[in-house]
Amino acid sequence: MHPAEQESVQRAIHSATGTITKVDEENRKVTIAHEPIASLSWPAMTMGFLIKSEELFAQLKVGDVIRFELVKVEKGYEITAIK
């Protein structure tokens, strides 16, 4: 795959729905039990996500059910929007 194509695939925006099970304020990360994410070929699972901004992070509480968008970043996957 050409480097530009690879970057485009890595920066693809994916959408998911899940329930927040843990909020890690020190690392600005949340753990979410999410439904399957077809665009990533992921089954339902629980995993940690980085949060892009402090404003997004401030909204999140354990037990919240959220619809979110995520992208692949160097350190894993990062939530870029919450709906």
C-alpha atoms as a PDB file:
ATOM      1  CA  MET A   1       0.000   0.000   0.000  1.00  0.00           C
ATOM      2  CA  HIS A   2       1.277   3.470  -0.906  1.00  0.00           C
ATOM      3  CA  PRO A   3       2.199   5.571   2.184  1.00  0.00           C
ATOM      4  CA  ALA A   4      -0.494   8.176   1.418  1.00  0.00           C
ATOM      5  CA  GLU A   5      -3.126   5.424   1.139  1.00  0.00           C
ATOM      6  CA  GLN A   6      -1.932   3.868   4.389  1.00  0.00           C
ATOM      7  CA  GLU A   7      -2.200   7.215   6.205  1.00  0.00           C
ATOM      8  CA  SER A   8      -5.716   7.701   4.819  1.00  0.00           C
ATOM      9  CA  VAL A   9      -6.784   4.279   6.109  1.00  0.00           C
ATOM     10  CA  GLN A  10      -5.213   4.925   9.517  1.00  0.00           C
ATOM     11  CA  ARG A  11      -6.985   8.304   9.845  1.00  0.00           C
ATOM     12  CA  ALA A  12     -10.371   6.882   8.888  1.00  0.00           C
ATOM     13  CA  ILE A  13     -13.133   7.889  11.289  1.00  0.00           C
ATOM     14  CA  HIS A  14     -15.026   5.018  12.884  1.00  0.00           C
ATOM     15  CA  SER A  15     -18.275   5.210  14.897  1.00  0.00           C
ATOM     16  CA  ALA A  16     -19.354   3.101  17.845  1.00  0.00           C
ATOM     17  CA  THR A  17     -21.720   2.918  20.793  1.00  0.00           C
ATOM     18  CA  GLY A  18     -20.707   1.813  24.245  1.00  0.00           C
ATOM     19  CA  THR A  19     -20.885   2.206  28.013  1.00  0.00           C
ATOM     20  CA  ILE A  20     -18.104   3.900  29.969  1.00  0.00           C
ATOM     21  CA  THR A  21     -16.755   1.524  32.609  1.00  0.00           C
ATOM     22  CA  LYS A  22     -13.735   3.524  33.853  1.00  0.00           C
ATOM     23  CA  VAL A  23     -12.454   7.100  33.690  1.00  0.00           C
ATOM     24  CA  ASP A  24      -8.677   7.559  34.064  1.00  0.00           C
ATOM     25  CA  GLU A  25      -8.180  11.265  34.758  1.00  0.00           C
ATOM     26  CA  GLU A  26      -4.394  11.036  35.105  1.00  0.00           C
ATOM     27  CA  ASN A  27      -3.935   9.671  31.566  1.00  0.00           C
ATOM     28  CA  ARG A  28      -7.063  11.280  30.012  1.00  0.00           C
ATOM     29  CA  LYS A  29      -8.311   7.865  28.979  1.00  0.00           C
ATOM     30  CA  VAL A  30     -11.625   6.026  29.300  1.00  0.00           C
ATOM     31  CA  THR A  31     -12.480   2.347  29.206  1.00  0.00           C
ATOM     32  CA  ILE A  32     -15.589   1.554  27.194  1.00  0.00           C
ATOM     33  CA  ALA A  33     -17.563  -1.676  26.775  1.00  0.00           C
ATOM     34  CA  HIS A  34     -18.484  -1.123  23.119  1.00  0.00           C
ATOM     35  CA  GLU A  35     -20.656  -2.859  20.570  1.00  0.00           C
ATOM     36  CA  PRO A  36     -19.036  -4.412  17.482  1.00  0.00           C
ATOM     37  CA  ILE A  37     -17.309  -1.904  15.186  1.00  0.00           C
ATOM     38  CA  ALA A  38     -17.848  -3.241  11.669  1.00  0.00           C
ATOM     39  CA  SER A  39     -15.516  -0.744   9.969  1.00  0.00           C
ATOM     40  CA  LEU A  40     -12.622  -2.139  12.049  1.00  0.00           C
ATOM     41  CA  SER A  41     -13.852  -5.760  11.991  1.00  0.00           C
ATOM     42  CA  TRP A  42     -13.916  -5.663  15.804  1.00  0.00           C
ATOM     43  CA  PRO A  43     -16.305  -7.731  17.907  1.00  0.00           C
ATOM     44  CA  ALA A  44     -17.935  -6.272  21.007  1.00  0.00           C
ATOM     45  CA  MET A  45     -15.278  -5.797  23.694  1.00  0.00           C
ATOM     46  CA  THR A  46     -14.073  -3.595  26.521  1.00  0.00           C
ATOM     47  CA  MET A  47     -11.010  -1.459  25.871  1.00  0.00           C
ATOM     48  CA  GLY A  48      -9.335   1.842  26.652  1.00  0.00           C
ATOM     49  CA  PHE A  49      -9.432   4.926  24.457  1.00  0.00           C
ATOM     50  CA  LEU A  50      -7.543   8.195  24.588  1.00  0.00           C
ATOM     51  CA  ILE A  51      -9.640  11.376  24.558  1.00  0.00           C
ATOM     52  CA  LYS A  52      -8.722  14.084  22.062  1.00  0.00           C
ATOM     53  CA  SER A  53      -9.627  17.127  24.153  1.00  0.00           C
ATOM     54  CA  GLU A  54     -10.112  18.157  27.752  1.00  0.00           C
ATOM     55  CA  GLU A  55     -13.592  19.443  26.839  1.00  0.00           C
ATOM     56  CA  LEU A  56     -14.668  15.977  25.641  1.00  0.00           C
ATOM     57  CA  PHE A  57     -13.068  14.302  28.647  1.00  0.00           C
ATOM     58  CA  ALA A  58     -14.909  16.555  31.117  1.00  0.00           C
ATOM     59  CA  GLN A  59     -18.279  15.243  29.812  1.00  0.00           C
ATOM     60  CA  LEU A  60     -17.609  11.586  30.592  1.00  0.00           C
ATOM     61  CA  LYS A  61     -18.806   9.626  33.616  1.00  0.00           C
ATOM     62  CA  VAL A  62     -18.818   5.921  34.486  1.00  0.00           C
ATOM     63  CA  GLY A  63     -22.127   4.397  33.387  1.00  0.00           C
ATOM     64  CA  ASP A  64     -22.733   6.859  30.520  1.00  0.00           C
ATOM     65  CA  VAL A  65     -23.870   5.255  27.264  1.00  0.00           C
ATOM     66  CA  ILE A  66     -22.304   7.204  24.406  1.00  0.00           C
ATOM     67  CA  ARG A  67     -22.092   7.235  20.634  1.00  0.00           C
ATOM     68  CA  PHE A  68     -18.546   8.186  19.718  1.00  0.00           C
ATOM     69  CA  GLU A  69     -16.157   8.625  16.803  1.00  0.00           C
ATOM     70  CA  LEU A  70     -12.605   7.369  16.936  1.00  0.00           C
ATOM     71  CA  VAL A  71      -9.455   7.403  14.840  1.00  0.00           C
ATOM     72  CA  LYS A  72      -6.195   5.445  14.928  1.00  0.00           C
ATOM     73  CA  VAL A  73      -3.318   7.439  16.403  1.00  0.00           C
ATOM     74  CA  GLU A  74       0.254   6.547  17.231  1.00  0.00           C
ATOM     75  CA  LYS A  75      -0.599   5.405  20.780  1.00  0.00           C
ATOM     76  CA  GLY A  76      -3.791   3.477  19.969  1.00  0.00           C
ATOM     77  CA  TYR A  77      -7.284   4.791  19.267  1.00  0.00           C
ATOM     78  CA  GLU A  78      -8.513   8.236  20.199  1.00  0.00           C
ATOM     79  CA  ILE A  79     -12.077   9.478  20.626  1.00  0.00           C
ATOM     80  CA  THR A  80     -12.537  12.635  18.587  1.00  0.00           C
ATOM     81  CA  ALA A  81     -16.282  13.268  19.021  1.00  0.00           C
ATOM     82  CA  ILE A  82     -19.141  12.260  21.300  1.00  0.00           C
ATOM     83  CA  LYS A  83     -22.767  12.402  20.229  1.00  0.00           C
END
